[in-house]
N, C-alpha and C. Protein backbone atom coordinates (compact mmCIF):
# COMPACT_ATOMS: atom_id res chain seq x y z
N MET A 1 95.18 104.36 105.49
CA MET A 1 95.12 105.49 104.58
C MET A 1 94.09 105.13 103.57
N GLN A 2 93.10 105.98 103.33
CA GLN A 2 92.08 105.75 102.35
C GLN A 2 92.36 106.60 101.10
N TYR A 3 92.32 105.92 99.97
CA TYR A 3 92.56 106.56 98.74
C TYR A 3 91.23 106.90 98.04
N THR A 4 90.86 108.21 98.11
CA THR A 4 89.69 108.68 97.42
C THR A 4 90.01 109.88 96.58
N ASN A 5 89.33 109.89 95.44
CA ASN A 5 89.55 111.05 94.52
C ASN A 5 90.99 111.30 94.17
N ARG A 6 91.75 110.21 93.84
CA ARG A 6 93.10 110.36 93.47
C ARG A 6 93.24 110.71 92.01
N MET A 7 94.37 111.44 91.77
CA MET A 7 94.54 111.93 90.41
C MET A 7 96.07 111.88 90.14
N SER A 8 96.40 111.74 88.86
CA SER A 8 97.78 111.67 88.44
C SER A 8 98.24 113.07 87.88
N TYR A 9 99.40 113.56 88.33
CA TYR A 9 99.86 114.85 87.85
C TYR A 9 101.33 114.81 87.35
N VAL A 10 101.64 115.65 86.52
CA VAL A 10 103.02 115.81 85.99
C VAL A 10 103.59 117.13 86.47
N VAL A 11 104.81 117.06 87.09
CA VAL A 11 105.49 118.34 87.60
C VAL A 11 106.81 118.43 86.81
N TYR A 12 106.89 119.50 86.03
CA TYR A 12 108.12 119.84 85.35
C TYR A 12 109.02 120.74 86.14
N TYR A 13 110.32 120.55 86.12
CA TYR A 13 111.15 121.34 87.02
C TYR A 13 112.51 121.47 86.44
N ARG A 14 113.38 122.35 87.11
CA ARG A 14 114.83 122.45 86.84
C ARG A 14 115.48 122.36 88.21
N GLY A 15 116.40 121.46 88.33
CA GLY A 15 117.07 121.31 89.58
C GLY A 15 116.36 120.36 90.54
N ASN A 16 117.05 120.10 91.67
CA ASN A 16 116.44 119.15 92.64
C ASN A 16 115.63 119.75 93.75
N GLN A 17 115.56 121.01 93.85
CA GLN A 17 114.85 121.71 94.95
C GLN A 17 113.36 121.27 94.91
N VAL A 18 112.80 121.10 93.74
CA VAL A 18 111.32 120.78 93.56
C VAL A 18 111.20 119.36 94.13
N LEU A 19 112.05 118.44 93.76
CA LEU A 19 111.87 117.12 94.26
C LEU A 19 111.95 117.01 95.74
N LYS A 20 112.86 117.73 96.32
CA LYS A 20 112.96 117.77 97.81
C LYS A 20 111.70 118.26 98.44
N LYS A 21 111.09 119.33 97.83
CA LYS A 21 109.85 119.88 98.35
C LYS A 21 108.67 118.87 98.17
N LEU A 22 108.64 118.18 97.06
CA LEU A 22 107.62 117.18 96.88
C LEU A 22 107.64 116.03 97.92
N GLU A 23 108.86 115.68 98.33
CA GLU A 23 108.99 114.62 99.32
C GLU A 23 108.39 114.91 100.61
N GLN A 24 108.20 116.22 100.93
CA GLN A 24 107.62 116.69 102.14
C GLN A 24 106.03 116.61 102.16
N PHE A 25 105.47 116.48 101.02
CA PHE A 25 104.04 116.41 100.89
C PHE A 25 103.53 114.93 100.92
N PRO A 26 102.17 114.69 101.27
CA PRO A 26 101.64 113.43 101.23
C PRO A 26 101.25 113.01 99.82
N VAL A 27 102.30 112.85 98.97
CA VAL A 27 102.06 112.42 97.54
C VAL A 27 102.81 111.15 97.26
N ASP A 28 102.40 110.33 96.32
CA ASP A 28 103.14 109.20 95.90
C ASP A 28 103.80 109.51 94.57
N ILE A 29 105.21 109.62 94.66
CA ILE A 29 105.93 109.85 93.39
C ILE A 29 106.10 108.52 92.72
N SER A 30 105.56 108.41 91.54
CA SER A 30 105.68 107.11 90.80
C SER A 30 106.82 106.99 89.82
N TYR A 31 107.24 108.18 89.29
CA TYR A 31 108.32 108.16 88.31
C TYR A 31 109.04 109.52 88.31
N ILE A 32 110.35 109.53 88.19
CA ILE A 32 111.14 110.70 88.11
C ILE A 32 112.09 110.52 86.88
N SER A 33 111.98 111.47 85.93
CA SER A 33 112.86 111.51 84.80
C SER A 33 113.91 112.65 85.00
N LYS A 34 115.07 112.19 85.31
CA LYS A 34 116.07 113.24 85.51
C LYS A 34 116.62 113.82 84.27
N LYS A 35 116.58 113.08 83.17
CA LYS A 35 117.05 113.57 81.94
C LYS A 35 116.10 114.56 81.29
N LEU A 36 114.80 114.33 81.40
CA LEU A 36 113.79 115.27 80.86
C LEU A 36 113.15 116.16 81.94
N SER A 37 113.60 116.08 83.21
CA SER A 37 113.22 116.92 84.24
C SER A 37 111.73 117.00 84.52
N TYR A 38 111.11 115.86 84.75
CA TYR A 38 109.70 115.93 85.18
C TYR A 38 109.43 114.67 86.13
N ALA A 39 108.41 114.78 86.95
CA ALA A 39 108.03 113.69 87.86
C ALA A 39 106.53 113.49 87.73
N ILE A 40 106.19 112.20 87.80
CA ILE A 40 104.75 111.87 87.75
C ILE A 40 104.36 111.45 89.22
N LEU A 41 103.29 112.05 89.69
CA LEU A 41 102.90 111.77 91.04
C LEU A 41 101.42 111.57 91.19
N TYR A 42 100.97 110.87 92.19
CA TYR A 42 99.59 110.65 92.51
C TYR A 42 99.26 111.33 93.82
N MET A 43 98.13 112.07 93.87
CA MET A 43 97.68 112.71 95.13
C MET A 43 96.21 112.90 95.10
N ASP A 44 95.61 113.32 96.21
CA ASP A 44 94.28 113.62 96.31
C ASP A 44 93.94 114.98 95.52
N LYS A 45 92.77 115.08 94.91
CA LYS A 45 92.46 116.29 94.21
C LYS A 45 92.39 117.46 95.17
N GLU A 46 92.04 117.20 96.43
CA GLU A 46 91.89 118.38 97.33
C GLU A 46 93.25 119.02 97.67
N LEU A 47 94.35 118.27 97.47
CA LEU A 47 95.61 118.83 97.78
C LEU A 47 96.21 119.59 96.63
N GLU A 48 95.59 119.50 95.46
CA GLU A 48 96.17 120.22 94.27
C GLU A 48 96.43 121.69 94.48
N HIS A 49 95.48 122.41 95.00
CA HIS A 49 95.66 123.82 95.12
C HIS A 49 96.78 124.12 96.14
N LYS A 50 96.90 123.42 97.25
CA LYS A 50 97.93 123.66 98.26
C LYS A 50 99.27 123.41 97.66
N ILE A 51 99.46 122.28 96.94
CA ILE A 51 100.77 121.93 96.42
C ILE A 51 101.13 122.87 95.30
N ARG A 52 100.19 123.25 94.48
CA ARG A 52 100.49 124.15 93.33
C ARG A 52 100.92 125.48 93.91
N LYS A 53 100.27 125.96 94.95
CA LYS A 53 100.64 127.28 95.55
C LYS A 53 102.01 127.21 96.13
N THR A 54 102.35 126.05 96.82
CA THR A 54 103.71 125.96 97.40
C THR A 54 104.80 125.85 96.34
N LEU A 55 104.52 125.05 95.31
CA LEU A 55 105.58 124.83 94.27
C LEU A 55 105.83 126.08 93.40
N ARG A 56 104.80 126.94 93.34
CA ARG A 56 104.85 128.09 92.52
C ARG A 56 106.00 129.03 93.00
N PHE A 57 106.30 128.96 94.30
CA PHE A 57 107.33 129.81 94.94
C PHE A 57 108.69 129.03 95.16
N THR A 58 108.68 127.81 94.64
CA THR A 58 109.90 126.99 94.82
C THR A 58 110.86 127.25 93.67
N LYS A 59 112.16 127.45 93.97
CA LYS A 59 113.15 127.68 92.95
C LYS A 59 113.27 126.44 92.05
N GLY A 60 113.20 126.69 90.75
CA GLY A 60 113.39 125.59 89.75
C GLY A 60 112.04 125.00 89.24
N PHE A 61 110.94 125.50 89.76
CA PHE A 61 109.60 124.92 89.35
C PHE A 61 109.23 125.53 87.99
N LYS A 62 108.89 124.64 86.98
CA LYS A 62 108.36 125.15 85.71
C LYS A 62 106.84 125.27 85.68
N PHE A 63 106.16 124.02 85.63
CA PHE A 63 104.69 124.01 85.68
C PHE A 63 104.20 122.65 86.13
N PHE A 64 102.93 122.62 86.32
CA PHE A 64 102.22 121.49 87.01
C PHE A 64 100.95 121.27 86.23
N GLU A 65 100.70 120.01 85.83
CA GLU A 65 99.49 119.76 85.04
C GLU A 65 98.94 118.35 85.34
N PRO A 66 97.59 118.13 85.13
CA PRO A 66 97.14 116.72 85.23
C PRO A 66 97.77 115.84 84.13
N SER A 67 98.03 114.61 84.46
CA SER A 67 98.63 113.72 83.55
C SER A 67 97.63 113.33 82.45
N LYS A 68 98.07 113.32 81.18
CA LYS A 68 97.15 112.98 80.05
C LYS A 68 96.93 111.52 79.97
N THR A 69 97.72 110.70 80.58
CA THR A 69 97.56 109.27 80.61
C THR A 69 96.66 108.73 81.66
N PHE A 70 96.24 109.52 82.58
CA PHE A 70 95.45 109.12 83.66
C PHE A 70 94.00 108.89 83.24
N ASP A 71 93.48 107.69 83.63
CA ASP A 71 92.11 107.30 83.27
C ASP A 71 91.28 107.12 84.58
N ALA A 72 90.41 107.95 84.88
CA ALA A 72 89.63 107.91 86.14
C ALA A 72 88.67 106.70 86.16
N SER A 73 88.30 106.18 85.01
CA SER A 73 87.39 105.02 85.05
C SER A 73 88.06 103.78 85.51
N LEU A 74 89.39 103.66 85.43
CA LEU A 74 90.06 102.45 85.92
C LEU A 74 90.17 102.54 87.42
N ASN A 75 89.77 101.47 88.13
CA ASN A 75 89.93 101.48 89.59
C ASN A 75 90.52 100.16 89.99
N PHE A 76 91.70 100.25 90.59
CA PHE A 76 92.36 99.02 90.99
C PHE A 76 92.14 98.71 92.42
């Protein structure tokens, strides 16, 4: 698997339906806060539109945004 053009995103939700839907996508979930109801995930930029479109119709989904802590200049 080649990691190119990866980006960090934050998904805010209510309930576990969104988490179950995220597990079906090719994303890396790095953190889930059950108390504050958000998840931080990494994925390719090309998948953003597809995942945003699918999550929009998922019960319990609030919103989806790029992570403010992500720094594209860092490359590990």
